[in-house]
């Protein structure tokens, strides 16, 4: 399993104006893409399990943080938007990726975990 200390970020809805306008959401997304490339994150085209560890809010109590650590994250952002941002940062053309599993959990700090699955599902 490979663990990357990168706080996951979903891909924002972008418009033509975002080419020259400097919206904060787009700037954060571009910085995320740069960080993913800088840390040389590797994603195989098949047979992997990507786990996004999303940080718990600082406003949560210690009791709630302890109870939620490692539990499923069932709020926004959606897993498809998280995976879309990751794949767009890594691949110019992500059509070659054909098999992966994605999940998201709560954690103290944000990270991305990539584990190889022993045998990908064949059609």
PDB file of N, CA and C in Angstrom:
ATOM      1  N   UNK A   1       0.848  -1.181   0.000  1.00  0.00           N
ATOM      2  CA  UNK A   1       0.000   0.000   0.000  1.00  0.00           C
ATOM      3  C   UNK A   1       0.889   1.239   0.000  1.00  0.00           C
ATOM      4  N   UNK A   2       0.523   2.181  -0.829  1.00  0.00           N
ATOM      5  CA  UNK A   2       1.232   3.450  -0.889  1.00  0.00           C
ATOM      6  C   UNK A   2       0.353   4.523  -0.246  1.00  0.00           C
ATOM      7  N   UNK A   3       0.934   5.306   0.625  1.00  0.00           N
ATOM      8  CA  UNK A   3       0.205   6.382   1.305  1.00  0.00           C
ATOM      9  C   UNK A   3       0.853   7.706   0.925  1.00  0.00           C
ATOM     10  N   UNK A   4       0.046   8.624   0.436  1.00  0.00           N
ATOM     11  CA  UNK A   4       0.516   9.951   0.041  1.00  0.00           C
ATOM     12  C   UNK A   4      -0.146  10.983   0.941  1.00  0.00           C
ATOM     13  N   UNK A   5       0.662  11.829   1.566  1.00  0.00           N
ATOM     14  CA  UNK A   5       0.144  12.858   2.467  1.00  0.00           C
ATOM     15  C   UNK A   5      -0.331  14.067   1.667  1.00  0.00           C
ATOM     16  N   UNK A   6      -1.419  13.853   0.948  1.00  0.00           N
ATOM     17  CA  UNK A   6      -2.037  14.900   0.147  1.00  0.00           C
ATOM     18  C   UNK A   6      -3.504  14.949   0.562  1.00  0.00           C
ATOM     19  N   UNK A   7      -3.981  16.094   0.978  1.00  0.00           N
ATOM     20  CA  UNK A   7      -5.380  16.216   1.370  1.00  0.00           C
ATOM     21  C   UNK A   7      -6.260  16.155   0.116  1.00  0.00           C
ATOM     22  N   UNK A   8      -7.159  15.163   0.025  1.00  0.00           N
ATOM     23  CA  UNK A   8      -7.983  15.011  -1.178  1.00  0.00           C
ATOM     24  C   UNK A   8      -8.873  16.223  -1.417  1.00  0.00           C
ATOM     25  N   UNK A   9      -9.103  16.485  -2.681  1.00  0.00           N
ATOM     26  CA  UNK A   9      -9.905  17.629  -3.091  1.00  0.00           C
ATOM     27  C   UNK A   9     -10.746  17.222  -4.292  1.00  0.00           C
ATOM     28  N   UNK A  10     -12.032  17.552  -4.301  1.00  0.00           N
ATOM     29  CA  UNK A  10     -12.854  17.203  -5.462  1.00  0.00           C
ATOM     30  C   UNK A  10     -12.608  18.163  -6.619  1.00  0.00           C
ATOM     31  N   UNK A  11     -12.954  17.715  -7.796  1.00  0.00           N
ATOM     32  CA  UNK A  11     -12.816  18.593  -8.962  1.00  0.00           C
ATOM     33  C   UNK A  11     -13.985  19.585  -8.953  1.00  0.00           C
ATOM     34  N   UNK A  12     -13.692  20.880  -9.047  1.00  0.00           N
ATOM     35  CA  UNK A  12     -14.788  21.864  -9.060  1.00  0.00           C
ATOM     36  C   UNK A  12     -15.437  21.943 -10.434  1.00  0.00           C
ATOM     37  N   UNK A  13     -16.631  22.442 -10.453  1.00  0.00           N
ATOM     38  CA  UNK A  13     -17.296  22.703 -11.728  1.00  0.00           C
ATOM     39  C   UNK A  13     -16.609  23.919 -12.339  1.00  0.00           C
ATOM     40  N   UNK A  14     -16.094  23.754 -13.533  1.00  0.00           N
ATOM     41  CA  UNK A  14     -15.314  24.825 -14.147  1.00  0.00           C
ATOM     42  C   UNK A  14     -16.015  25.359 -15.390  1.00  0.00           C
ATOM     43  N   UNK A  15     -15.731  26.616 -15.703  1.00  0.00           N
ATOM     44  CA  UNK A  15     -16.319  27.270 -16.870  1.00  0.00           C
ATOM     45  C   UNK A  15     -15.197  27.841 -17.738  1.00  0.00           C
ATOM     46  N   UNK A  16     -15.563  28.369 -18.883  1.00  0.00           N
ATOM     47  CA  UNK A  16     -14.577  28.994 -19.763  1.00  0.00           C
ATOM     48  C   UNK A  16     -13.884  30.162 -19.064  1.00  0.00           C
ATOM     49  N   UNK A  17     -14.621  30.835 -18.211  1.00  0.00           N
ATOM     50  CA  UNK A  17     -14.085  32.007 -17.523  1.00  0.00           C
ATOM     51  C   UNK A  17     -12.931  31.647 -16.586  1.00  0.00           C
ATOM     52  N   UNK A  18     -12.882  30.398 -16.143  1.00  0.00           N
ATOM     53  CA  UNK A  18     -11.830  29.981 -15.210  1.00  0.00           C
ATOM     54  C   UNK A  18     -10.447  29.976 -15.843  1.00  0.00           C
ATOM     55  N   UNK A  19     -10.362  30.151 -17.158  1.00  0.00           N
ATOM     56  CA  UNK A  19      -9.048  30.248 -17.791  1.00  0.00           C
ATOM     57  C   UNK A  19      -8.326  31.527 -17.372  1.00  0.00           C
ATOM     58  N   UNK A  20      -9.074  32.597 -17.138  1.00  0.00           N
ATOM     59  CA  UNK A  20      -8.433  33.857 -16.746  1.00  0.00           C
ATOM     60  C   UNK A  20      -8.903  34.350 -15.375  1.00  0.00           C
ATOM     61  N   UNK A  21     -10.090  33.964 -14.932  1.00  0.00           N
ATOM     62  CA  UNK A  21     -10.579  34.377 -13.615  1.00  0.00           C
ATOM     63  C   UNK A  21      -9.907  33.522 -12.541  1.00  0.00           C
ATOM     64  N   UNK A  22      -9.628  34.083 -11.429  1.00  0.00           N
ATOM     65  CA  UNK A  22      -8.908  33.396 -10.359  1.00  0.00           C
ATOM     66  C   UNK A  22      -9.833  33.075  -9.193  1.00  0.00           C
ATOM     67  N   UNK A  23     -10.780  32.146  -9.413  1.00  0.00           N
ATOM     68  CA  UNK A  23     -11.675  31.749  -8.329  1.00  0.00           C
ATOM     69  C   UNK A  23     -10.909  30.898  -7.319  1.00  0.00           C
ATOM     70  N   UNK A  24     -11.170  31.059  -6.026  1.00  0.00           N
ATOM     71  CA  UNK A  24     -10.443  30.303  -5.003  1.00  0.00           C
ATOM     72  C   UNK A  24     -10.560  28.781  -5.165  1.00  0.00           C
ATOM     73  N   UNK A  25     -11.735  28.280  -5.519  1.00  0.00           N
ATOM     74  CA  UNK A  25     -11.922  26.832  -5.679  1.00  0.00           C
ATOM     75  C   UNK A  25     -11.046  26.285  -6.805  1.00  0.00           C
ATOM     76  N   UNK A  26     -10.922  27.019  -7.878  1.00  0.00           N
ATOM     77  CA  UNK A  26     -10.107  26.580  -9.009  1.00  0.00           C
ATOM     78  C   UNK A  26      -8.620  26.680  -8.664  1.00  0.00           C
ATOM     79  N   UNK A  27      -8.226  27.713  -7.938  1.00  0.00           N
ATOM     80  CA  UNK A  27      -6.826  27.843  -7.522  1.00  0.00           C
ATOM     81  C   UNK A  27      -6.420  26.705  -6.581  1.00  0.00           C
ATOM     82  N   UNK A  28      -7.327  26.327  -5.642  1.00  0.00           N
ATOM     83  CA  UNK A  28      -7.043  25.195  -4.755  1.00  0.00           C
ATOM     84  C   UNK A  28      -6.927  23.905  -5.560  1.00  0.00           C
ATOM     85  N   UNK A  29      -7.801  23.712  -6.545  1.00  0.00           N
ATOM     86  CA  UNK A  29      -7.766  22.514  -7.384  1.00  0.00           C
ATOM     87  C   UNK A  29      -6.464  22.445  -8.180  1.00  0.00           C
ATOM     88  N   UNK A  30      -6.041  23.554  -8.747  1.00  0.00           N
ATOM     89  CA  UNK A  30      -4.788  23.563  -9.516  1.00  0.00           C
ATOM     90  C   UNK A  30      -3.584  23.299  -8.623  1.00  0.00           C
ATOM     91  N   UNK A  31      -3.599  23.822  -7.404  1.00  0.00           N
ATOM     92  CA  UNK A  31      -2.513  23.555  -6.457  1.00  0.00           C
ATOM     93  C   UNK A  31      -2.512  22.072  -6.062  1.00  0.00           C
ATOM     94  N   UNK A  32      -3.688  21.475  -5.906  1.00  0.00           N
ATOM     95  CA  UNK A  32      -3.813  20.046  -5.611  1.00  0.00           C
ATOM     96  C   UNK A  32      -3.219  19.211  -6.748  1.00  0.00           C
ATOM     97  N   UNK A  33      -3.550  19.549  -7.989  1.00  0.00           N
ATOM     98  CA  UNK A  33      -3.007  18.832  -9.147  1.00  0.00           C
ATOM     99  C   UNK A  33      -1.485  18.938  -9.190  1.00  0.00           C
ATOM    100  N   UNK A  34      -0.966  20.126  -8.904  1.00  0.00           N
ATOM    101  CA  UNK A  34       0.487  20.317  -8.886  1.00  0.00           C
ATOM    102  C   UNK A  34       1.141  19.466  -7.794  1.00  0.00           C
ATOM    103  N   UNK A  35       0.505  19.388  -6.624  1.00  0.00           N
ATOM    104  CA  UNK A  35       1.052  18.601  -5.524  1.00  0.00           C
ATOM    105  C   UNK A  35       1.041  17.107  -5.853  1.00  0.00           C
ATOM    106  N   UNK A  36      -0.037  16.630  -6.486  1.00  0.00           N
ATOM    107  CA  UNK A  36      -0.124  15.221  -6.886  1.00  0.00           C
ATOM    108  C   UNK A  36       0.997  14.883  -7.863  1.00  0.00           C
ATOM    109  N   UNK A  37       1.227  15.758  -8.831  1.00  0.00           N
ATOM    110  CA  UNK A  37       2.297  15.512  -9.808  1.00  0.00           C
ATOM    111  C   UNK A  37       3.677  15.613  -9.159  1.00  0.00           C
ATOM    112  N   UNK A  38       3.851  16.567  -8.253  1.00  0.00           N
ATOM    113  CA  UNK A  38       5.128  16.770  -7.589  1.00  0.00           C
ATOM    114  C   UNK A  38       5.522  15.558  -6.739  1.00  0.00           C
ATOM    115  N   UNK A  39       4.554  14.950  -6.069  1.00  0.00           N
ATOM    116  CA  UNK A  39       4.832  13.782  -5.230  1.00  0.00           C
ATOM    117  C   UNK A  39       4.852  12.488  -6.029  1.00  0.00           C
ATOM    118  N   UNK A  40       4.705  12.598  -7.348  1.00  0.00           N
ATOM    119  CA  UNK A  40       4.815  11.457  -8.273  1.00  0.00           C
ATOM    120  C   UNK A  40       3.903  10.302  -7.890  1.00  0.00           C
ATOM    121  N   UNK A  41       2.662  10.629  -7.636  1.00  0.00           N
ATOM    122  CA  UNK A  41       1.676   9.620  -7.300  1.00  0.00           C
ATOM    123  C   UNK A  41       1.481   8.689  -8.493  1.00  0.00           C
ATOM    124  N   UNK A  42       1.452   7.385  -8.254  1.00  0.00           N
ATOM    125  CA  UNK A  42       1.294   6.392  -9.312  1.00  0.00           C
ATOM    126  C   UNK A  42      -0.057   5.698  -9.153  1.00  0.00           C
ATOM    127  N   UNK A  43      -0.802   5.599 -10.243  1.00  0.00           N
ATOM    128  CA  UNK A  43      -2.099   4.934 -10.246  1.00  0.00           C
ATOM    129  C   UNK A  43      -2.106   3.921 -11.377  1.00  0.00           C
ATOM    130  N   UNK A  44      -2.207   2.612 -11.060  1.00  0.00           N
ATOM    131  CA  UNK A  44      -2.234   1.615 -12.128  1.00  0.00           C
ATOM    132  C   UNK A  44      -3.538   1.699 -12.920  1.00  0.00           C
ATOM    133  N   UNK A  45      -3.527   1.169 -14.136  1.00  0.00           N
ATOM    134  CA  UNK A  45      -4.712   1.238 -14.998  1.00  0.00           C
ATOM    135  C   UNK A  45      -5.764   0.205 -14.611  1.00  0.00           C
ATOM    136  N   UNK A  46      -5.399  -0.771 -13.793  1.00  0.00           N
ATOM    137  CA  UNK A  46      -6.384  -1.743 -13.318  1.00  0.00           C
ATOM    138  C   UNK A  46      -5.923  -2.347 -12.004  1.00  0.00           C
ATOM    139  N   UNK A  47      -6.882  -2.869 -11.261  1.00  0.00           N
ATOM    140  CA  UNK A  47      -6.570  -3.607 -10.048  1.00  0.00           C
ATOM    141  C   UNK A  47      -6.048  -2.797  -8.894  1.00  0.00           C
ATOM    142  N   UNK A  48      -6.707  -1.676  -8.582  1.00  0.00           N
ATOM    143  CA  UNK A  48      -6.268  -0.901  -7.423  1.00  0.00           C
ATOM    144  C   UNK A  48      -7.471  -0.452  -6.597  1.00  0.00           C
ATOM    145  N   UNK A  49      -7.209  -0.212  -5.330  1.00  0.00           N
ATOM    146  CA  UNK A  49      -8.209   0.315  -4.411  1.00  0.00           C
ATOM    147  C   UNK A  49      -7.688   1.652  -3.905  1.00  0.00           C
ATOM    148  N   UNK A  50      -8.387   2.720  -4.248  1.00  0.00           N
ATOM    149  CA  UNK A  50      -8.004   4.069  -3.832  1.00  0.00           C
ATOM    150  C   UNK A  50      -8.879   4.451  -2.645  1.00  0.00           C
ATOM    151  N   UNK A  51      -8.248   4.806  -1.534  1.00  0.00           N
ATOM    152  CA  UNK A  51      -8.971   5.254  -0.349  1.00  0.00           C
ATOM    153  C   UNK A  51      -8.596   6.698  -0.082  1.00  0.00           C
ATOM    154  N   UNK A  52      -9.600   7.548  -0.065  1.00  0.00           N
ATOM    155  CA  UNK A  52      -9.404   8.958   0.259  1.00  0.00           C
ATOM    156  C   UNK A  52      -9.698   9.130   1.740  1.00  0.00           C
ATOM    157  N   UNK A  53      -8.710   9.596   2.491  1.00  0.00           N
ATOM    158  CA  UNK A  53      -8.882   9.869   3.915  1.00  0.00           C
ATOM    159  C   UNK A  53      -9.116  11.370   4.039  1.00  0.00           C
ATOM    160  N   UNK A  54     -10.332  11.731   4.423  1.00  0.00           N
ATOM    161  CA  UNK A  54     -10.703  13.140   4.531  1.00  0.00           C
ATOM    162  C   UNK A  54     -10.569  13.593   5.981  1.00  0.00           C
ATOM    163  N   UNK A  55      -9.976  14.772   6.208  1.00  0.00           N
ATOM    164  CA  UNK A  55      -9.749  15.230   7.582  1.00  0.00           C
ATOM    165  C   UNK A  55     -11.048  15.613   8.282  1.00  0.00           C
ATOM    166  N   UNK A  56     -11.080  15.317   9.578  1.00  0.00           N
ATOM    167  CA  UNK A  56     -12.239  15.683  10.393  1.00  0.00           C
ATOM    168  C   UNK A  56     -12.184  17.178  10.705  1.00  0.00           C
ATOM    169  N   UNK A  57     -13.335  17.823  10.802  1.00  0.00           N
ATOM    170  CA  UNK A  57     -13.342  19.254  11.145  1.00  0.00           C
ATOM    171  C   UNK A  57     -12.720  19.509  12.517  1.00  0.00           C
ATOM    172  N   UNK A  58     -12.029  20.612  12.641  1.00  0.00           N
ATOM    173  CA  UNK A  58     -11.383  20.980  13.907  1.00  0.00           C
ATOM    174  C   UNK A  58     -12.409  21.248  15.002  1.00  0.00           C
ATOM    175  N   UNK A  59     -13.634  21.557  14.625  1.00  0.00           N
ATOM    176  CA  UNK A  59     -14.666  21.878  15.606  1.00  0.00           C
ATOM    177  C   UNK A  59     -15.232  20.637  16.303  1.00  0.00           C
ATOM    178  N   UNK A  60     -14.933  19.446  15.816  1.00  0.00           N
ATOM    179  CA  UNK A  60     -15.442  18.225  16.442  1.00  0.00           C
ATOM    180  C   UNK A  60     -14.756  17.978  17.778  1.00  0.00           C
ATOM    181  N   UNK A  61     -15.509  17.410  18.713  1.00  0.00           N
ATOM    182  CA  UNK A  61     -14.959  17.077  20.026  1.00  0.00           C
ATOM    183  C   UNK A  61     -14.018  15.872  19.921  1.00  0.00           C
ATOM    184  N   UNK A  62     -13.208  15.684  20.938  1.00  0.00           N
ATOM    185  CA  UNK A  62     -12.293  14.527  20.941  1.00  0.00           C
ATOM    186  C   UNK A  62     -13.067  13.215  20.895  1.00  0.00           C
ATOM    187  N   UNK A  63     -14.188  13.179  21.589  1.00  0.00           N
ATOM    188  CA  UNK A  63     -15.015  11.974  21.630  1.00  0.00           C
ATOM    189  C   UNK A  63     -15.549  11.636  20.233  1.00  0.00           C
ATOM    190  N   UNK A  64     -16.057  12.638  19.532  1.00  0.00           N
ATOM    191  CA  UNK A  64     -16.591  12.418  18.188  1.00  0.00           C
ATOM    192  C   UNK A  64     -15.473  12.062  17.214  1.00  0.00           C
ATOM    193  N   UNK A  65     -14.311  12.690  17.370  1.00  0.00           N
ATOM    194  CA  UNK A  65     -13.170  12.393  16.498  1.00  0.00           C
ATOM    195  C   UNK A  65     -12.716  10.942  16.691  1.00  0.00           C
ATOM    196  N   UNK A  66     -12.655  10.484  17.939  1.00  0.00           N
ATOM    197  CA  UNK A  66     -12.236   9.115  18.223  1.00  0.00           C
ATOM    198  C   UNK A  66     -13.242   8.113  17.672  1.00  0.00           C
ATOM    199  N   UNK A  67     -14.523   8.440  17.757  1.00  0.00           N
ATOM    200  CA  UNK A  67     -15.555   7.525  17.263  1.00  0.00           C
ATOM    201  C   UNK A  67     -15.595   7.487  15.734  1.00  0.00           C
ATOM    202  N   UNK A  68     -15.214   8.574  15.081  1.00  0.00           N
ATOM    203  CA  UNK A  68     -15.322   8.668  13.620  1.00  0.00           C
ATOM    204  C   UNK A  68     -14.068   8.241  12.870  1.00  0.00           C
ATOM    205  N   UNK A  69     -12.945   8.157  13.527  1.00  0.00           N
ATOM    206  CA  UNK A  69     -11.684   7.816  12.851  1.00  0.00           C
ATOM    207  C   UNK A  69     -11.791   6.461  12.161  1.00  0.00           C
ATOM    208  N   UNK A  70     -11.531   6.449  10.856  1.00  0.00           N
ATOM    209  CA  UNK A  70     -11.576   5.217  10.078  1.00  0.00           C
ATOM    210  C   UNK A  70     -12.958   4.797   9.619  1.00  0.00           C
ATOM    211  N   UNK A  71     -13.973   5.544  10.007  1.00  0.00           N
ATOM    212  CA  UNK A  71     -15.345   5.216   9.617  1.00  0.00           C
ATOM    213  C   UNK A  71     -15.649   5.765   8.220  1.00  0.00           C
ATOM    214  N   UNK A  72     -16.659   5.210   7.540  1.00  0.00           N
ATOM    215  CA  UNK A  72     -17.008   5.706   6.204  1.00  0.00           C
ATOM    216  C   UNK A  72     -17.413   7.178   6.233  1.00  0.00           C
ATOM    217  N   UNK A  73     -16.970   7.911   5.237  1.00  0.00           N
ATOM    218  CA  UNK A  73     -17.303   9.327   5.065  1.00  0.00           C
ATOM    219  C   UNK A  73     -18.508   9.371   4.136  1.00  0.00           C
ATOM    220  N   UNK A  74     -19.679   9.713   4.648  1.00  0.00           N
ATOM    221  CA  UNK A  74     -20.908   9.657   3.870  1.00  0.00           C
ATOM    222  C   UNK A  74     -21.503  11.034   3.627  1.00  0.00           C
ATOM    223  N   UNK A  75     -20.627  11.995   3.378  1.00  0.00           N
ATOM    224  CA  UNK A  75     -21.054  13.360   3.088  1.00  0.00           C
ATOM    225  C   UNK A  75     -20.379  13.804   1.804  1.00  0.00           C
ATOM    226  N   UNK A  76     -20.643  15.040   1.403  1.00  0.00           N
ATOM    227  CA  UNK A  76     -19.923  15.583   0.265  1.00  0.00           C
ATOM    228  C   UNK A  76     -18.496  15.845   0.681  1.00  0.00           C
ATOM    229  N   UNK A  77     -17.539  15.715  -0.161  1.00  0.00           N
ATOM    230  CA  UNK A  77     -17.578  15.539  -1.607  1.00  0.00           C
ATOM    231  C   UNK A  77     -17.809  14.074  -2.001  1.00  0.00           C
ATOM    232  N   UNK A  78     -18.390  13.889  -3.179  1.00  0.00           N
ATOM    233  CA  UNK A  78     -18.666  12.561  -3.700  1.00  0.00           C
ATOM    234  C   UNK A  78     -17.373  11.880  -4.133  1.00  0.00           C
ATOM    235  N   UNK A  79     -17.371  10.540  -4.072  1.00  0.00           N
ATOM    236  CA  UNK A  79     -16.172   9.801  -4.473  1.00  0.00           C
ATOM    237  C   UNK A  79     -15.865   9.982  -5.950  1.00  0.00           C
ATOM    238  N   UNK A  80     -16.890  10.150  -6.781  1.00  0.00           N
ATOM    239  CA  UNK A  80     -16.615  10.312  -8.214  1.00  0.00           C
ATOM    240  C   UNK A  80     -15.898  11.623  -8.495  1.00  0.00           C
ATOM    241  N   UNK A  81     -16.215  12.677  -7.767  1.00  0.00           N
ATOM    242  CA  UNK A  81     -15.516  13.950  -7.960  1.00  0.00           C
ATOM    243  C   UNK A  81     -14.088  13.898  -7.410  1.00  0.00           C
ATOM    244  N   UNK A  82     -13.876  13.164  -6.327  1.00  0.00           N
ATOM    245  CA  UNK A  82     -12.525  12.993  -5.796  1.00  0.00           C
ATOM    246  C   UNK A  82     -11.664  12.208  -6.781  1.00  0.00           C
ATOM    247  N   UNK A  83     -12.230  11.130  -7.325  1.00  0.00           N
ATOM    248  CA  UNK A  83     -11.481  10.305  -8.273  1.00  0.00           C
ATOM    249  C   UNK A  83     -11.246  11.037  -9.583  1.00  0.00           C
ATOM    250  N   UNK A  84     -12.228  11.816 -10.003  1.00  0.00           N
ATOM    251  CA  UNK A  84     -12.082  12.601 -11.240  1.00  0.00           C
ATOM    252  C   UNK A  84     -10.925  13.588 -11.109  1.00  0.00           C
ATOM    253  N   UNK A  85     -10.820  14.252  -9.969  1.00  0.00           N
ATOM    254  CA  UNK A  85      -9.730  15.206  -9.749  1.00  0.00           C
ATOM    255  C   UNK A  85      -8.379  14.495  -9.759  1.00  0.00           C
ATOM    256  N   UNK A  86      -8.313  13.319  -9.121  1.00  0.00           N
ATOM    257  CA  UNK A  86      -7.059  12.573  -9.081  1.00  0.00           C
ATOM    258  C   UNK A  86      -6.651  12.093 -10.473  1.00  0.00           C
ATOM    259  N   UNK A  87      -7.589  11.534 -11.212  1.00  0.00           N
ATOM    260  CA  UNK A  87      -7.266  11.013 -12.539  1.00  0.00           C
ATOM    261  C   UNK A  87      -6.919  12.126 -13.515  1.00  0.00           C
ATOM    262  N   UNK A  88      -7.597  13.252 -13.428  1.00  0.00           N
ATOM    263  CA  UNK A  88      -7.276  14.377 -14.305  1.00  0.00           C
ATOM    264  C   UNK A  88      -5.897  14.957 -13.986  1.00  0.00           C
ATOM    265  N   UNK A  89      -5.488  14.877 -12.719  1.00  0.00           N
ATOM    266  CA  UNK A  89      -4.158  15.367 -12.348  1.00  0.00           C
ATOM    267  C   UNK A  89      -3.063  14.430 -12.855  1.00  0.00           C
ATOM    268  N   UNK A  90      -3.365  13.139 -12.933  1.00  0.00           N
ATOM    269  CA  UNK A  90      -2.343  12.156 -13.303  1.00  0.00           C
ATOM    270  C   UNK A  90      -2.268  11.840 -14.786  1.00  0.00           C
ATOM    271  N   UNK A  91      -3.405  11.819 -15.464  1.00  0.00           N
ATOM    272  CA  UNK A  91      -3.454  11.376 -16.852  1.00  0.00           C
ATOM    273  C   UNK A  91      -3.937  12.483 -17.769  1.00  0.00           C
ATOM    274  N   UNK A  92      -3.287  12.614 -18.924  1.00  0.00           N
ATOM    275  CA  UNK A  92      -3.789  13.525 -19.955  1.00  0.00           C
ATOM    276  C   UNK A  92      -5.050  12.917 -20.575  1.00  0.00           C
ATOM    277  N   UNK A  93      -5.025  11.591 -20.760  1.00  0.00           N
ATOM    278  CA  UNK A  93      -6.182  10.860 -21.274  1.00  0.00           C
ATOM    279  C   UNK A  93      -6.408   9.681 -20.340  1.00  0.00           C
ATOM    280  N   UNK A  94      -7.438   9.764 -19.486  1.00  0.00           N
ATOM    281  CA  UNK A  94      -7.654   8.724 -18.485  1.00  0.00           C
ATOM    282  C   UNK A  94      -8.542   7.578 -18.979  1.00  0.00           C
ATOM    283  N   UNK A  95      -8.726   7.460 -20.290  1.00  0.00           N
ATOM    284  CA  UNK A  95      -9.559   6.385 -20.824  1.00  0.00           C
ATOM    285  C   UNK A  95      -8.883   5.020 -20.692  1.00  0.00           C
ATOM    286  N   UNK A  96      -7.582   4.997 -20.408  1.00  0.00           N
ATOM    287  CA  UNK A  96      -6.879   3.726 -20.267  1.00  0.00           C
ATOM    288  C   UNK A  96      -7.170   3.044 -18.923  1.00  0.00           C
ATOM    289  N   UNK A  97      -7.642   3.788 -17.932  1.00  0.00           N
ATOM    290  CA  UNK A  97      -7.969   3.217 -16.630  1.00  0.00           C
ATOM    291  C   UNK A  97      -9.318   2.510 -16.752  1.00  0.00           C
ATOM    292  N   UNK A  98      -9.317   1.210 -16.434  1.00  0.00           N
ATOM    293  CA  UNK A  98     -10.546   0.453 -16.651  1.00  0.00           C
ATOM    294  C   UNK A  98     -11.061  -0.279 -15.428  1.00  0.00           C
ATOM    295  N   UNK A  99     -10.292  -0.377 -14.356  1.00  0.00           N
ATOM    296  CA  UNK A  99     -10.769  -1.111 -13.188  1.00  0.00           C
ATOM    297  C   UNK A  99     -10.147  -0.528 -11.933  1.00  0.00           C
ATOM    298  N   UNK A 100     -10.997  -0.028 -11.026  1.00  0.00           N
ATOM    299  CA  UNK A 100     -10.518   0.451  -9.736  1.00  0.00           C
ATOM    300  C   UNK A 100     -11.678   0.446  -8.753  1.00  0.00           C
ATOM    301  N   UNK A 101     -11.331   0.498  -7.480  1.00  0.00           N
ATOM    302  CA  UNK A 101     -12.319   0.586  -6.409  1.00  0.00           C
ATOM    303  C   UNK A 101     -11.985   1.841  -5.616  1.00  0.00           C
ATOM    304  N   UNK A 102     -13.013   2.559  -5.211  1.00  0.00           N
ATOM    305  CA  UNK A 102     -12.802   3.822  -4.508  1.00  0.00           C
ATOM    306  C   UNK A 102     -13.625   3.846  -3.226  1.00  0.00           C
ATOM    307  N   UNK A 103     -13.030   4.354  -2.158  1.00  0.00           N
ATOM    308  CA  UNK A 103     -13.769   4.574  -0.918  1.00  0.00           C
ATOM    309  C   UNK A 103     -13.217   5.821  -0.241  1.00  0.00           C
ATOM    310  N   UNK A 104     -13.977   6.329   0.716  1.00  0.00           N
ATOM    311  CA  UNK A 104     -13.526   7.507   1.461  1.00  0.00           C
ATOM    312  C   UNK A 104     -13.875   7.308   2.928  1.00  0.00           C
ATOM    313  N   UNK A 105     -12.937   7.673   3.786  1.00  0.00           N
ATOM    314  CA  UNK A 105     -13.106   7.502   5.220  1.00  0.00           C
ATOM    315  C   UNK A 105     -12.661   8.768   5.945  1.00  0.00           C
ATOM    316  N   UNK A 106     -13.042   8.846   7.212  1.00  0.00           N
ATOM    317  CA  UNK A 106     -12.609   9.954   8.061  1.00  0.00           C
ATOM    318  C   UNK A 106     -11.222   9.658   8.615  1.00  0.00           C
ATOM    319  N   UNK A 107     -10.435  10.710   8.830  1.00  0.00           N
ATOM    320  CA  UNK A 107      -9.113  10.566   9.437  1.00  0.00           C
ATOM    321  C   UNK A 107      -8.691  11.858  10.103  1.00  0.00           C
ATOM    322  N   UNK A 108      -7.633  11.790  10.890  1.00  0.00           N
ATOM    323  CA  UNK A 108      -7.114  12.999  11.551  1.00  0.00           C
ATOM    324  C   UNK A 108      -6.551  13.981  10.531  1.00  0.00           C
ATOM    325  N   UNK A 109      -5.825  13.451   9.558  1.00  0.00           N
ATOM    326  CA  UNK A 109      -5.283  14.284   8.490  1.00  0.00           C
ATOM    327  C   UNK A 109      -5.680  13.682   7.152  1.00  0.00           C
ATOM    328  N   UNK A 110      -5.680  14.497   6.126  1.00  0.00           N
ATOM    329  CA  UNK A 110      -6.033  14.029   4.799  1.00  0.00           C
ATOM    330  C   UNK A 110      -4.899  13.276   4.140  1.00  0.00           C
ATOM    331  N   UNK A 111      -5.241  12.213   3.416  1.00  0.00           N
ATOM    332  CA  UNK A 111      -4.248  11.462   2.659  1.00  0.00           C
ATOM    333  C   UNK A 111      -4.940  10.640   1.581  1.00  0.00           C
ATOM    334  N   UNK A 112      -4.125  10.103   0.697  1.00  0.00           N
ATOM    335  CA  UNK A 112      -4.608   9.228  -0.368  1.00  0.00           C
ATOM    336  C   UNK A 112      -3.841   7.925  -0.250  1.00  0.00           C
ATOM    337  N   UNK A 113      -4.574   6.813  -0.166  1.00  0.00           N
ATOM    338  CA  UNK A 113      -3.959   5.489  -0.066  1.00  0.00           C
ATOM    339  C   UNK A 113      -4.286   4.706  -1.332  1.00  0.00           C
ATOM    340  N   UNK A 114      -3.277   4.081  -1.896  1.00  0.00           N
ATOM    341  CA  UNK A 114      -3.481   3.268  -3.093  1.00  0.00           C
ATOM    342  C   UNK A 114      -2.942   1.879  -2.812  1.00  0.00           C
ATOM    343  N   UNK A 115      -3.831   0.889  -2.898  1.00  0.00           N
ATOM    344  CA  UNK A 115      -3.455  -0.496  -2.654  1.00  0.00           C
ATOM    345  C   UNK A 115      -3.726  -1.309  -3.910  1.00  0.00           C
ATOM    346  N   UNK A 116      -2.823  -2.218  -4.204  1.00  0.00           N
ATOM    347  CA  UNK A 116      -3.001  -3.124  -5.344  1.00  0.00           C
ATOM    348  C   UNK A 116      -3.989  -4.210  -4.936  1.00  0.00           C
ATOM    349  N   UNK A 117      -4.924  -4.510  -5.818  1.00  0.00           N
ATOM    350  CA  UNK A 117      -5.849  -5.625  -5.621  1.00  0.00           C
ATOM    351  C   UNK A 117      -5.238  -6.810  -6.338  1.00  0.00           C
ATOM    352  N   UNK A 118      -5.221  -7.960  -5.694  1.00  0.00           N
ATOM    353  CA  UNK A 118      -4.511  -9.113  -6.247  1.00  0.00           C
ATOM    354  C   UNK A 118      -5.009  -9.515  -7.638  1.00  0.00           C
ATOM    355  N   UNK A 119      -6.313  -9.465  -7.837  1.00  0.00           N
ATOM    356  CA  UNK A 119      -6.832  -9.888  -9.134  1.00  0.00           C
ATOM    357  C   UNK A 119      -7.958  -8.962  -9.559  1.00  0.00           C
ATOM    358  N   UNK A 120      -7.783  -8.171 -10.631  1.00  0.00           N
ATOM    359  CA  UNK A 120      -8.860  -7.311 -11.079  1.00  0.00           C
ATOM    360  C   UNK A 120     -10.018  -8.117 -11.666  1.00  0.00           C
ATOM    361  N   UNK A 121     -11.183  -7.552 -11.597  1.00  0.00           N
ATOM    362  CA  UNK A 121     -12.376  -8.196 -12.133  1.00  0.00           C
ATOM    363  C   UNK A 121     -12.316  -8.147 -13.660  1.00  0.00           C
ATOM    364  N   UNK A 122     -12.412  -9.292 -14.285  1.00  0.00           N
ATOM    365  CA  UNK A 122     -12.377  -9.365 -15.745  1.00  0.00           C
ATOM    366  C   UNK A 122     -13.800  -9.457 -16.273  1.00  0.00           C
ATOM    367  N   UNK A 123     -14.085  -8.746 -17.377  1.00  0.00           N
ATOM    368  CA  UNK A 123     -15.434  -8.812 -17.936  1.00  0.00           C
ATOM    369  C   UNK A 123     -15.722 -10.154 -18.581  1.00  0.00           C
TER     370      UNK A 123
END
